[in-house]
Each structure stands twice: as structure tokens, then as C-alpha cells.
PDB file of N, CA and C in Angstrom:
ATOM      1  N   MET A   1     -56.864 -10.237  21.567  1.00  0.00           N
ATOM      2  CA  MET A   1     -57.510  -8.907  21.482  1.00  0.00           C
ATOM      3  C   MET A   1     -56.369  -8.315  21.183  1.00  0.00           C
ATOM      4  N   ASN A   2     -56.526  -7.198  20.112  1.00  0.00           N
ATOM      5  CA  ASN A   2     -55.779  -6.498  19.365  1.00  0.00           C
ATOM      6  C   ASN A   2     -55.460  -5.104  20.406  1.00  0.00           C
ATOM      7  N   ASP A   3     -54.345  -4.680  20.587  1.00  0.00           N
ATOM      8  CA  ASP A   3     -54.238  -3.775  21.567  1.00  0.00           C
ATOM      9  C   ASP A   3     -54.605  -2.393  20.678  1.00  0.00           C
ATOM     10  N   GLU A   4     -54.700  -2.120  19.303  1.00  0.00           N
ATOM     11  CA  GLU A   4     -54.782  -1.005  18.809  1.00  0.00           C
ATOM     12  C   GLU A   4     -56.571  -0.795  18.501  1.00  0.00           C
ATOM     13  N   VAL A   5     -57.091  -2.400  18.821  1.00  0.00           N
ATOM     14  CA  VAL A   5     -58.526  -1.908  18.617  1.00  0.00           C
ATOM     15  C   VAL A   5     -59.013  -1.814  19.984  1.00  0.00           C
ATOM     16  N   SER A   6     -58.407  -2.190  21.199  1.00  0.00           N
ATOM     17  CA  SER A   6     -58.383  -1.714  22.426  1.00  0.00           C
ATOM     18  C   SER A   6     -58.539  -0.587  22.702  1.00  0.00           C
ATOM     19  N   GLN A   7     -57.349   0.350  22.064  1.00  0.00           N
ATOM     20  CA  GLN A   7     -56.850   1.696  22.233  1.00  0.00           C
ATOM     21  C   GLN A   7     -57.975   2.777  21.541  1.00  0.00           C
ATOM     22  N   TYR A   8     -58.550   2.008  20.336  1.00  0.00           N
ATOM     23  CA  TYR A   8     -59.502   2.857  19.339  1.00  0.00           C
ATOM     24  C   TYR A   8     -60.998   2.702  20.333  1.00  0.00           C
ATOM     25  N   ILE A   9     -61.147   1.713  21.008  1.00  0.00           N
ATOM     26  CA  ILE A   9     -62.510   1.697  22.020  1.00  0.00           C
ATOM     27  C   ILE A   9     -61.975   2.623  23.056  1.00  0.00           C
ATOM     28  N   SER A  10     -61.425   2.738  23.941  1.00  0.00           N
ATOM     29  CA  SER A  10     -60.810   3.390  24.859  1.00  0.00           C
ATOM     30  C   SER A  10     -60.942   4.699  24.871  1.00  0.00           C
ATOM     31  N   ASP A  11     -60.704   4.936  23.114  1.00  0.00           N
ATOM     32  CA  ASP A  11     -60.788   6.445  23.193  1.00  0.00           C
ATOM     33  C   ASP A  11     -62.378   7.342  22.714  1.00  0.00           C
ATOM     34  N   THR A  12     -63.222   6.621  22.840  1.00  0.00           N
ATOM     35  CA  THR A  12     -64.634   6.861  22.658  1.00  0.00           C
ATOM     36  C   THR A  12     -65.559   7.389  23.918  1.00  0.00           C
ATOM     37  N   ALA A  13     -66.513   7.809  23.993  1.00  0.00           N
ATOM     38  CA  ALA A  13     -67.194   8.230  25.383  1.00  0.00           C
ATOM     39  C   ALA A  13     -67.700   6.832  25.611  1.00  0.00           C
ATOM     40  N   PRO A  14     -67.965   7.097  27.140  1.00  0.00           N
ATOM     41  CA  PRO A  14     -68.093   5.717  27.765  1.00  0.00           C
ATOM     42  C   PRO A  14     -69.456   4.748  27.525  1.00  0.00           C
ATOM     43  N   TRP A  15     -70.522   5.902  27.305  1.00  0.00           N
ATOM     44  CA  TRP A  15     -71.116   4.995  26.790  1.00  0.00           C
ATOM     45  C   TRP A  15     -70.909   3.896  25.397  1.00  0.00           C
ATOM     46  N   GLN A  16     -70.032   4.684  24.672  1.00  0.00           N
ATOM     47  CA  GLN A  16     -69.987   4.020  23.488  1.00  0.00           C
ATOM     48  C   GLN A  16     -69.120   2.916  23.636  1.00  0.00           C
ATOM     49  N   GLN A  17     -68.069   3.066  24.745  1.00  0.00           N
ATOM     50  CA  GLN A  17     -67.301   2.175  25.009  1.00  0.00           C
ATOM     51  C   GLN A  17     -67.799   0.800  25.591  1.00  0.00           C
ATOM     52  N   ALA A  18     -69.075   1.211  26.347  1.00  0.00           N
ATOM     53  CA  ALA A  18     -69.994   0.049  26.683  1.00  0.00           C
ATOM     54  C   ALA A  18     -70.312  -0.778  25.593  1.00  0.00           C
ATOM     55  N   VAL A  19     -70.991  -0.194  24.796  1.00  0.00           N
ATOM     56  CA  VAL A  19     -71.597  -0.748  23.476  1.00  0.00           C
ATOM     57  C   VAL A  19     -70.516  -1.535  22.549  1.00  0.00           C
ATOM     58  N   CYS A  20     -69.050  -0.790  22.312  1.00  0.00           N
ATOM     59  CA  CYS A  20     -67.889  -1.354  21.814  1.00  0.00           C
ATOM     60  C   CYS A  20     -67.515  -2.641  22.331  1.00  0.00           C
ATOM     61  N   GLU A  21     -67.698  -2.552  23.378  1.00  0.00           N
ATOM     62  CA  GLU A  21     -66.849  -4.006  24.479  1.00  0.00           C
ATOM     63  C   GLU A  21     -68.598  -5.026  23.939  1.00  0.00           C
ATOM     64  N   LYS A  22     -69.202  -4.642  24.228  1.00  0.00           N
ATOM     65  CA  LYS A  22     -70.523  -5.893  24.337  1.00  0.00           C
ATOM     66  C   LYS A  22     -70.464  -6.200  22.793  1.00  0.00           C
ATOM     67  N   LEU A  23     -70.479  -5.208  21.536  1.00  0.00           N
ATOM     68  CA  LEU A  23     -69.848  -5.887  20.110  1.00  0.00           C
ATOM     69  C   LEU A  23     -69.045  -6.791  19.753  1.00  0.00           C
ATOM     70  N   ARG A  24     -68.074  -6.762  20.815  1.00  0.00           N
ATOM     71  CA  ARG A  24     -66.491  -7.433  20.616  1.00  0.00           C
ATOM     72  C   ARG A  24     -66.665  -8.734  21.022  1.00  0.00           C
ATOM     73  N   ALA A  25     -67.183  -8.500  22.586  1.00  0.00           N
ATOM     74  CA  ALA A  25     -67.059  -9.785  22.822  1.00  0.00           C
ATOM     75  C   ALA A  25     -68.329 -10.915  22.456  1.00  0.00           C
ATOM     76  N   MET A  26     -69.537 -10.182  21.522  1.00  0.00           N
ATOM     77  CA  MET A  26     -70.420 -11.256  20.736  1.00  0.00           C
ATOM     78  C   MET A  26     -69.626 -11.521  19.508  1.00  0.00           C
ATOM     79  N   ILE A  27     -69.041 -10.975  18.840  1.00  0.00           N
ATOM     80  CA  ILE A  27     -67.989 -11.391  17.644  1.00  0.00           C
ATOM     81  C   ILE A  27     -67.425 -12.026  18.285  1.00  0.00           C
ATOM     82  N   HIS A  28     -66.645 -12.014  19.275  1.00  0.00           N
ATOM     83  CA  HIS A  28     -65.449 -13.339  19.279  1.00  0.00           C
ATOM     84  C   HIS A  28     -66.585 -14.528  20.090  1.00  0.00           C
ATOM     85  N   GLU A  29     -67.659 -14.219  20.612  1.00  0.00           N
ATOM     86  CA  GLU A  29     -68.467 -15.542  20.915  1.00  0.00           C
ATOM     87  C   GLU A  29     -68.992 -16.086  20.012  1.00  0.00           C
ATOM     88  N   THR A  30     -69.310 -15.430  18.571  1.00  0.00           N
ATOM     89  CA  THR A  30     -70.191 -16.182  17.607  1.00  0.00           C
ATOM     90  C   THR A  30     -69.226 -16.675  16.690  1.00  0.00           C
ATOM     91  N   VAL A  31     -68.309 -16.022  16.591  1.00  0.00           N
ATOM     92  CA  VAL A  31     -66.933 -16.462  15.489  1.00  0.00           C
ATOM     93  C   VAL A  31     -65.512 -17.034  16.195  1.00  0.00           C
ATOM     94  N   PRO A  32     -65.533 -18.333  16.889  1.00  0.00           N
ATOM     95  CA  PRO A  32     -64.407 -18.603  17.027  1.00  0.00           C
ATOM     96  C   PRO A  32     -63.135 -18.420  16.648  1.00  0.00           C
ATOM     97  N   GLY A  33     -62.355 -18.002  16.967  1.00  0.00           N
ATOM     98  CA  GLY A  33     -61.019 -17.673  16.037  1.00  0.00           C
ATOM     99  C   GLY A  33     -60.909 -16.350  15.459  1.00  0.00           C
ATOM    100  N   ILE A  34     -61.735 -15.619  14.885  1.00  0.00           N
ATOM    101  CA  ILE A  34     -61.654 -14.709  14.644  1.00  0.00           C
ATOM    102  C   ILE A  34     -61.016 -13.610  14.946  1.00  0.00           C
ATOM    103  N   GLU A  35     -59.804 -12.962  13.852  1.00  0.00           N
ATOM    104  CA  GLU A  35     -59.089 -12.174  14.140  1.00  0.00           C
ATOM    105  C   GLU A  35     -59.717 -10.803  13.690  1.00  0.00           C
ATOM    106  N   GLU A  36     -58.993 -10.026  14.829  1.00  0.00           N
ATOM    107  CA  GLU A  36     -59.090  -8.575  14.952  1.00  0.00           C
ATOM    108  C   GLU A  36     -57.795  -7.520  14.841  1.00  0.00           C
ATOM    109  N   GLN A  37     -58.349  -6.404  13.674  1.00  0.00           N
ATOM    110  CA  GLN A  37     -57.339  -5.399  13.233  1.00  0.00           C
ATOM    111  C   GLN A  37     -57.632  -4.135  13.315  1.00  0.00           C
ATOM    112  N   LEU A  38     -56.912  -3.024  13.231  1.00  0.00           N
ATOM    113  CA  LEU A  38     -57.410  -1.747  13.031  1.00  0.00           C
ATOM    114  C   LEU A  38     -57.006  -1.620  11.404  1.00  0.00           C
ATOM    115  N   GLN A  39     -58.006  -1.522  10.591  1.00  0.00           N
ATOM    116  CA  GLN A  39     -57.854  -1.495   9.277  1.00  0.00           C
ATOM    117  C   GLN A  39     -58.690   0.093   8.919  1.00  0.00           C
ATOM    118  N   TYR A  40     -58.058   0.976   8.097  1.00  0.00           N
ATOM    119  CA  TYR A  40     -58.763   2.318   7.906  1.00  0.00           C
ATOM    120  C   TYR A  40     -59.246   3.044   8.781  1.00  0.00           C
ATOM    121  N   GLY A  41     -58.283   2.916  10.365  1.00  0.00           N
ATOM    122  CA  GLY A  41     -58.631   3.473  11.195  1.00  0.00           C
ATOM    123  C   GLY A  41     -60.047   2.829  12.228  1.00  0.00           C
ATOM    124  N   LYS A  42     -60.585   1.864  11.956  1.00  0.00           N
ATOM    125  CA  LYS A  42     -61.609   1.429  12.756  1.00  0.00           C
ATOM    126  C   LYS A  42     -61.148  -0.328  12.613  1.00  0.00           C
ATOM    127  N   PRO A  43     -61.714  -0.987  14.104  1.00  0.00           N
ATOM    128  CA  PRO A  43     -62.052  -2.241  13.902  1.00  0.00           C
ATOM    129  C   PRO A  43     -62.503  -2.974  12.899  1.00  0.00           C
ATOM    130  N   HIS A  44     -61.833  -4.174  12.530  1.00  0.00           N
ATOM    131  CA  HIS A  44     -62.284  -4.805  11.367  1.00  0.00           C
ATOM    132  C   HIS A  44     -62.004  -6.159  11.887  1.00  0.00           C
ATOM    133  N   PHE A  45     -63.019  -7.134  12.051  1.00  0.00           N
ATOM    134  CA  PHE A  45     -63.024  -8.253  12.454  1.00  0.00           C
ATOM    135  C   PHE A  45     -63.010  -9.567  11.230  1.00  0.00           C
ATOM    136  N   LEU A  46     -61.783 -10.135  11.123  1.00  0.00           N
ATOM    137  CA  LEU A  46     -61.763 -11.279   9.688  1.00  0.00           C
ATOM    138  C   LEU A  46     -61.692 -12.450  10.083  1.00  0.00           C
ATOM    139  N   LYS A  47     -62.287 -13.262   9.518  1.00  0.00           N
ATOM    140  CA  LYS A  47     -62.329 -15.117   9.570  1.00  0.00           C
ATOM    141  C   LYS A  47     -62.059 -15.863   8.340  1.00  0.00           C
ATOM    142  N   ASN A  48     -60.680 -16.351   8.458  1.00  0.00           N
ATOM    143  CA  ASN A  48     -60.227 -17.008   7.611  1.00  0.00           C
ATOM    144  C   ASN A  48     -59.244 -15.998   6.366  1.00  0.00           C
ATOM    145  N   GLY A  49     -59.011 -14.784   6.961  1.00  0.00           N
ATOM    146  CA  GLY A  49     -58.852 -13.450   5.955  1.00  0.00           C
ATOM    147  C   GLY A  49     -59.550 -12.997   5.118  1.00  0.00           C
ATOM    148  N   HIS A  50     -60.766 -13.009   5.633  1.00  0.00           N
ATOM    149  CA  HIS A  50     -62.364 -12.478   5.083  1.00  0.00           C
ATOM    150  C   HIS A  50     -62.717 -11.262   5.588  1.00  0.00           C
ATOM    151  N   HIS A  51     -63.011 -10.244   5.475  1.00  0.00           N
ATOM    152  CA  HIS A  51     -63.723  -9.205   6.153  1.00  0.00           C
ATOM    153  C   HIS A  51     -65.330  -9.913   6.938  1.00  0.00           C
ATOM    154  N   ALA A  52     -65.787  -9.933   7.878  1.00  0.00           N
ATOM    155  CA  ALA A  52     -66.444 -10.208   8.790  1.00  0.00           C
ATOM    156  C   ALA A  52     -67.372  -9.234   9.176  1.00  0.00           C
ATOM    157  N   ALA A  53     -66.886  -8.255   9.817  1.00  0.00           N
ATOM    158  CA  ALA A  53     -67.502  -7.054  10.245  1.00  0.00           C
ATOM    159  C   ALA A  53     -66.613  -5.899  11.158  1.00  0.00           C
ATOM    160  N   VAL A  54     -67.331  -4.938  11.128  1.00  0.00           N
ATOM    161  CA  VAL A  54     -66.392  -3.710  11.315  1.00  0.00           C
ATOM    162  C   VAL A  54     -67.492  -2.785  12.406  1.00  0.00           C
ATOM    163  N   ILE A  55     -66.697  -2.547  13.295  1.00  0.00           N
ATOM    164  CA  ILE A  55     -67.143  -1.229  14.420  1.00  0.00           C
ATOM    165  C   ILE A  55     -66.815  -0.158  14.193  1.00  0.00           C
ATOM    166  N   ALA A  56     -67.567   0.799  14.029  1.00  0.00           N
ATOM    167  CA  ALA A  56     -67.234   2.622  13.696  1.00  0.00           C
ATOM    168  C   ALA A  56     -68.287   3.055  14.558  1.00  0.00           C
ATOM    169  N   VAL A  57     -67.389   4.034  15.197  1.00  0.00           N
ATOM    170  CA  VAL A  57     -67.808   4.785  16.442  1.00  0.00           C
ATOM    171  C   VAL A  57     -67.958   6.303  15.714  1.00  0.00           C
ATOM    172  N   ALA A  58     -68.996   6.972  15.682  1.00  0.00           N
ATOM    173  CA  ALA A  58     -69.175   8.568  15.352  1.00  0.00           C
ATOM    174  C   ALA A  58     -69.747   8.898  16.703  1.00  0.00           C
ATOM    175  N   ARG A  59     -70.101  10.399  16.197  1.00  0.00           N
ATOM    176  CA  ARG A  59     -70.303  11.506  17.100  1.00  0.00           C
ATOM    177  C   ARG A  59     -71.164  10.899  18.029  1.00  0.00           C
ATOM    178  N   ASP A  60     -72.376  10.340  17.272  1.00  0.00           N
ATOM    179  CA  ASP A  60     -73.733   9.916  18.136  1.00  0.00           C
ATOM    180  C   ASP A  60     -74.089   8.783  18.017  1.00  0.00           C
ATOM    181  N   LYS A  61     -73.232   7.730  17.837  1.00  0.00           N
ATOM    182  CA  LYS A  61     -73.660   6.308  17.331  1.00  0.00           C
ATOM    183  C   LYS A  61     -72.729   4.996  17.447  1.00  0.00           C
ATOM    184  N   VAL A  62     -73.066   4.272  17.278  1.00  0.00           N
ATOM    185  CA  VAL A  62     -71.739   2.998  17.223  1.00  0.00           C
ATOM    186  C   VAL A  62     -72.361   2.141  15.964  1.00  0.00           C
ATOM    187  N   SER A  63     -71.508   2.133  15.099  1.00  0.00           N
ATOM    188  CA  SER A  63     -72.078   1.447  13.878  1.00  0.00           C
ATOM    189  C   SER A  63     -71.549   0.197  13.925  1.00  0.00           C
ATOM    190  N   PHE A  64     -72.127  -0.989  13.631  1.00  0.00           N
ATOM    191  CA  PHE A  64     -71.752  -2.667  13.916  1.00  0.00           C
ATOM    192  C   PHE A  64     -72.651  -2.909  12.158  1.00  0.00           C
ATOM    193  N   MET A  65     -71.306  -3.037  11.244  1.00  0.00           N
ATOM    194  CA  MET A  65     -71.429  -3.470  10.256  1.00  0.00           C
ATOM    195  C   MET A  65     -71.333  -4.866   9.792  1.00  0.00           C
ATOM    196  N   VAL A  66     -72.134  -5.836   9.069  1.00  0.00           N
ATOM    197  CA  VAL A  66     -71.370  -7.222   8.412  1.00  0.00           C
ATOM    198  C   VAL A  66     -71.160  -7.349   7.217  1.00  0.00           C
ATOM    199  N   PHE A  67     -70.568  -7.930   6.412  1.00  0.00           N
ATOM    200  CA  PHE A  67     -70.050  -8.444   5.205  1.00  0.00           C
ATOM    201  C   PHE A  67     -70.892  -9.587   4.748  1.00  0.00           C
ATOM    202  N   ASN A  68     -70.890 -10.074   3.278  1.00  0.00           N
ATOM    203  CA  ASN A  68     -71.676 -11.364   3.030  1.00  0.00           C
ATOM    204  C   ASN A  68     -73.050 -11.163   3.436  1.00  0.00           C
ATOM    205  N   ALA A  69     -73.517  -9.960   3.423  1.00  0.00           N
ATOM    206  CA  ALA A  69     -75.181 -10.312   3.691  1.00  0.00           C
ATOM    207  C   ALA A  69     -76.085 -10.088   2.789  1.00  0.00           C
ATOM    208  N   MET A  70     -75.815 -10.499   1.470  1.00  0.00           N
ATOM    209  CA  MET A  70     -76.882 -10.160   0.400  1.00  0.00           C
ATOM    210  C   MET A  70     -78.405 -10.828   0.446  1.00  0.00           C
ATOM    211  N   ASP A  71     -78.311 -11.875   1.352  1.00  0.00           N
ATOM    212  CA  ASP A  71     -79.000 -12.964   2.126  1.00  0.00           C
ATOM    213  C   ASP A  71     -79.818 -12.481   2.942  1.00  0.00           C
ATOM    214  N   ILE A  72     -79.303 -11.561   3.929  1.00  0.00           N
ATOM    215  CA  ILE A  72     -79.849 -10.897   5.200  1.00  0.00           C
ATOM    216  C   ILE A  72     -81.111  -9.823   4.769  1.00  0.00           C
ATOM    217  N   PRO A  73     -82.270  -9.715   5.055  1.00  0.00           N
ATOM    218  CA  PRO A  73     -83.163  -8.773   5.060  1.00  0.00           C
ATOM    219  C   PRO A  73     -82.986  -7.601   5.980  1.00  0.00           C
ATOM    220  N   ALA A  74     -83.102  -6.895   5.432  1.00  0.00           N
ATOM    221  CA  ALA A  74     -83.107  -4.955   5.960  1.00  0.00           C
ATOM    222  C   ALA A  74     -84.166  -5.672   7.189  1.00  0.00           C
ATOM    223  N   VAL A  75     -84.019  -5.405   8.152  1.00  0.00           N
ATOM    224  CA  VAL A  75     -85.159  -5.381   9.170  1.00  0.00           C
ATOM    225  C   VAL A  75     -85.283  -3.673  10.174  1.00  0.00           C
ATOM    226  N   LYS A  76     -86.553  -2.906   9.850  1.00  0.00           N
ATOM    227  CA  LYS A  76     -86.372  -1.358  10.224  1.00  0.00           C
ATOM    228  C   LYS A  76     -86.157  -1.803  11.601  1.00  0.00           C
ATOM    229  N   GLY A  77     -85.056  -0.633  12.588  1.00  0.00           N
ATOM    230  CA  GLY A  77     -84.993  -0.488  13.572  1.00  0.00           C
ATOM    231  C   GLY A  77     -83.809  -1.474  14.479  1.00  0.00           C
ATOM    232  N   LEU A  78     -83.307  -2.274  13.510  1.00  0.00           N
ATOM    233  CA  LEU A  78     -82.066  -3.500  13.711  1.00  0.00           C
ATOM    234  C   LEU A  78     -81.475  -3.158  12.716  1.00  0.00           C
ATOM    235  N   ILE A  79     -81.690  -3.570  11.564  1.00  0.00           N
ATOM    236  CA  ILE A  79     -80.451  -3.417  10.329  1.00  0.00           C
ATOM    237  C   ILE A  79     -80.609  -2.829   9.072  1.00  0.00           C
ATOM    238  N   ARG A  80     -79.911  -2.079   8.570  1.00  0.00           N
ATOM    239  CA  ARG A  80     -80.219  -1.547   7.341  1.00  0.00           C
ATOM    240  C   ARG A  80     -79.213  -2.205   6.292  1.00  0.00           C
ATOM    241  N   ALA A  81     -79.417  -2.085   5.125  1.00  0.00           N
ATOM    242  CA  ALA A  81     -78.659  -2.020   3.908  1.00  0.00           C
ATOM    243  C   ALA A  81     -77.708  -1.281   3.103  1.00  0.00           C
ATOM    244  N   MET A  82     -76.344  -1.714   2.995  1.00  0.00           N
ATOM    245  CA  MET A  82     -75.724  -0.767   2.688  1.00  0.00           C
ATOM    246  C   MET A  82     -75.098  -1.125   1.236  1.00  0.00           C
ATOM    247  N   GLY A  83     -74.718  -0.257   0.319  1.00  0.00           N
ATOM    248  CA  GLY A  83     -73.683  -0.344  -1.016  1.00  0.00           C
ATOM    249  C   GLY A  83     -75.026  -0.909  -1.705  1.00  0.00           C
ATOM    250  N   LYS A  84     -74.841  -2.249  -2.514  1.00  0.00           N
ATOM    251  CA  LYS A  84     -75.652  -3.161  -3.032  1.00  0.00           C
ATOM    252  C   LYS A  84     -76.267  -4.155  -2.203  1.00  0.00           C
ATOM    253  N   GLY A  85     -76.183  -3.951  -1.062  1.00  0.00           N
ATOM    254  CA  GLY A  85     -77.486  -4.959  -0.383  1.00  0.00           C
ATOM    255  C   GLY A  85     -76.423  -6.093   0.329  1.00  0.00           C
ATOM    256  N   ASP A  86     -74.642  -6.139  -0.311  1.00  0.00           N
ATOM    257  CA  ASP A  86     -74.019  -7.272   0.238  1.00  0.00           C
ATOM    258  C   ASP A  86     -73.478  -6.710   1.685  1.00  0.00           C
ATOM    259  N   ARG A  87     -73.686  -6.032   2.339  1.00  0.00           N
ATOM    260  CA  ARG A  87     -73.036  -5.191   3.482  1.00  0.00           C
ATOM    261  C   ARG A  87     -74.562  -4.770   4.485  1.00  0.00           C
ATOM    262  N   LYS A  88     -74.561  -5.028   5.575  1.00  0.00           N
ATOM    263  CA  LYS A  88     -75.700  -4.503   6.751  1.00  0.00           C
ATOM    264  C   LYS A  88     -75.579  -3.750   7.766  1.00  0.00           C
ATOM    265  N   CYS A  89     -75.943  -2.650   7.983  1.00  0.00           N
ATOM    266  CA  CYS A  89     -75.196  -2.119   9.274  1.00  0.00           C
ATOM    267  C   CYS A  89     -76.301  -1.858  10.214  1.00  0.00           C
ATOM    268  N   ALA A  90     -76.020  -2.127  11.845  1.00  0.00           N
ATOM    269  CA  ALA A  90     -76.806  -1.747  12.583  1.00  0.00           C
ATOM    270  C   ALA A  90     -76.100  -0.162  13.240  1.00  0.00           C
ATOM    271  N   ASP A  91     -76.929   0.333  13.806  1.00  0.00           N
ATOM    272  CA  ASP A  91     -76.756   1.530  14.110  1.00  0.00           C
ATOM    273  C   ASP A  91     -77.382   1.600  15.636  1.00  0.00           C
ATOM    274  N   ILE A  92     -76.116   2.117  16.780  1.00  0.00           N
ATOM    275  CA  ILE A  92     -76.837   1.837  18.131  1.00  0.00           C
ATOM    276  C   ILE A  92     -76.562   3.413  18.836  1.00  0.00           C
ATOM    277  N   GLY A  93     -77.395   3.998  18.938  1.00  0.00           N
ATOM    278  CA  GLY A  93     -77.242   5.397  19.860  1.00  0.00           C
ATOM    279  C   GLY A  93     -77.434   5.193  21.329  1.00  0.00           C
ATOM    280  N   GLU A  94     -76.967   6.590  21.644  1.00  0.00           N
ATOM    281  CA  GLU A  94     -76.623   6.765  23.320  1.00  0.00           C
ATOM    282  C   GLU A  94     -77.969   6.585  24.021  1.00  0.00           C
ATOM    283  N   GLY A  95     -77.924   5.364  24.951  1.00  0.00           N
ATOM    284  CA  GLY A  95     -79.388   5.009  25.729  1.00  0.00           C
ATOM    285  C   GLY A  95     -80.171   4.091  24.880  1.00  0.00           C
ATOM    286  N   GLN A  96     -79.689   3.468  23.775  1.00  0.00           N
ATOM    287  CA  GLN A  96     -80.532   2.565  22.802  1.00  0.00           C
ATOM    288  C   GLN A  96     -80.106   1.225  23.025  1.00  0.00           C
ATOM    289  N   GLU A  97     -80.833   0.473  23.670  1.00  0.00           N
ATOM    290  CA  GLU A  97     -80.501  -1.029  23.780  1.00  0.00           C
ATOM    291  C   GLU A  97     -80.513  -1.946  22.272  1.00  0.00           C
ATOM    292  N   ALA A  98     -79.240  -2.477  22.227  1.00  0.00           N
ATOM    293  CA  ALA A  98     -79.338  -2.885  20.865  1.00  0.00           C
ATOM    294  C   ALA A  98     -79.975  -5.108  21.125  1.00  0.00           C
ATOM    295  N   ASP A  99     -80.022  -4.954  19.873  1.00  0.00           N
ATOM    296  CA  ASP A  99     -80.459  -6.685  20.255  1.00  0.00           C
ATOM    297  C   ASP A  99     -79.146  -7.438  19.838  1.00  0.00           C
ATOM    298  N   TYR A 100     -78.579  -7.939  20.821  1.00  0.00           N
ATOM    299  CA  TYR A 100     -77.070  -8.252  20.323  1.00  0.00           C
ATOM    300  C   TYR A 100     -77.393  -9.880  19.776  1.00  0.00           C
ATOM    301  N   LYS A 101     -78.301 -10.420  20.557  1.00  0.00           N
ATOM    302  CA  LYS A 101     -78.994 -11.470  19.966  1.00  0.00           C
ATOM    303  C   LYS A 101     -79.173 -11.637  18.575  1.00  0.00           C
ATOM    304  N   ALA A 102     -79.645 -10.946  18.333  1.00  0.00           N
ATOM    305  CA  ALA A 102     -80.485 -11.021  16.742  1.00  0.00           C
ATOM    306  C   ALA A 102     -78.859 -10.563  15.821  1.00  0.00           C
ATOM    307  N   LEU A 103     -78.145  -9.500  16.201  1.00  0.00           N
ATOM    308  CA  LEU A 103     -76.777  -9.443  16.185  1.00  0.00           C
ATOM    309  C   LEU A 103     -76.232 -10.775  15.631  1.00  0.00           C
ATOM    310  N   ALA A 104     -76.129 -11.312  16.438  1.00  0.00           N
ATOM    311  CA  ALA A 104     -75.232 -12.372  16.653  1.00  0.00           C
ATOM    312  C   ALA A 104     -75.565 -13.545  15.669  1.00  0.00           C
ATOM    313  N   GLU A 105     -76.871 -13.566  15.644  1.00  0.00           N
ATOM    314  CA  GLU A 105     -77.649 -14.856  14.657  1.00  0.00           C
ATOM    315  C   GLU A 105     -77.419 -14.080  13.217  1.00  0.00           C
ATOM    316  N   ILE A 106     -77.285 -12.926  12.684  1.00  0.00           N
ATOM    317  CA  ILE A 106     -76.864 -12.351  11.999  1.00  0.00           C
ATOM    318  C   ILE A 106     -75.334 -12.865  11.354  1.00  0.00           C
ATOM    319  N   LEU A 107     -74.921 -12.309  12.205  1.00  0.00           N
ATOM    320  CA  LEU A 107     -73.101 -12.564  12.246  1.00  0.00           C
ATOM    321  C   LEU A 107     -72.660 -13.855  11.956  1.00  0.00           C
ATOM    322  N   GLU A 108     -73.663 -14.826  12.660  1.00  0.00           N
ATOM    323  CA  GLU A 108     -73.363 -16.154  12.442  1.00  0.00           C
ATOM    324  C   GLU A 108     -73.360 -16.504  11.175  1.00  0.00           C
ATOM    325  N   LYS A 109     -74.846 -16.408  10.376  1.00  0.00           N
ATOM    326  CA  LYS A 109     -75.120 -16.599   8.925  1.00  0.00           C
ATOM    327  C   LYS A 109     -74.108 -15.892   8.224  1.00  0.00           C
ATOM    328  N   THR A 110     -73.599 -14.393   8.380  1.00  0.00           N
ATOM    329  CA  THR A 110     -72.822 -14.192   7.133  1.00  0.00           C
ATOM    330  C   THR A 110     -71.198 -14.653   7.200  1.00  0.00           C
ATOM    331  N   THR A 111     -71.221 -15.470   8.313  1.00  0.00           N
ATOM    332  CA  THR A 111     -69.599 -16.030   8.117  1.00  0.00           C
ATOM    333  C   THR A 111     -69.700 -17.524   8.147  1.00  0.00           C
ATOM    334  N   ILE A 112     -70.336 -17.942   8.276  1.00  0.00           N
ATOM    335  CA  ILE A 112     -70.494 -19.557   7.915  1.00  0.00           C
ATOM    336  C   ILE A 112     -69.825 -20.148   6.945  1.00  0.00           C
ATOM    337  N   ALA A 113     -69.811 -19.409   5.633  1.00  0.00           N
ATOM    338  CA  ALA A 113     -69.188 -19.954   4.160  1.00  0.00           C
ATOM    339  C   ALA A 113     -67.565 -19.086   4.249  1.00  0.00           C
ATOM    340  N   LEU A 114     -67.443 -18.586   5.345  1.00  0.00           N
ATOM    341  CA  LEU A 114     -65.759 -17.984   5.355  1.00  0.00           C
ATOM    342  C   LEU A 114     -65.029 -18.960   5.607  1.00  0.00           C
TER     343      LEU A 114
END
């Protein structure tokens, strides 16, 4: 666990900390050996030096973005397309229960080739 990532998480609202910690644990469980570091002011997760995921906190949400997701369909209420579709993002608001199992399955699919 990277200290800068831990500090980023601890500087958020309590509900955001809980979501970030669940996402962080899910990422490490889903992709063994994944490396985490703070890049561009946000926690980035890399597999074999390639970007796999990002956690970003905004005032009213926590966003979880995966890379290499061209083959992953957007699913309303779960994950939306970003850019040209090569990135997908899930937004989790306060009090909203995220489908961490589904997000783990998406992350597994997007990191298998890295």
C-alpha cells in the first residue's frame, strides 16, 4: 500500500473513505501484485507498468475508472463510457451501494492482457 494513496483517501469525507477503501481492497484482490501510486493527484493502479484503474474523489461522488475497456459495454447505473470508449467509469454517490462484484469482473477483464 502506497502512503500517498493512503493519505489521499484519509483526506476525504468519511463516506468517501469507506468507498475508496472498498474499491482499493477490491482492486488488490482482483489483480494480485498491482502497483498503486499517486499520479496527477489521484490514486492510480498499474499492472506491469500499464494503467489499469484510477480512483478519483469529487465533492459528491467517488469515481472508479478502468482503462483498456473498449470491449466492455456501458451499463446504465453501473458504468459509463469515457473518451472514445477505451475507458469506463463508475460514479458512486453518498448512500449509494455499488456493485463491487460487477466492478471486479470488469477490472479483471480489462487487466487480463496487461
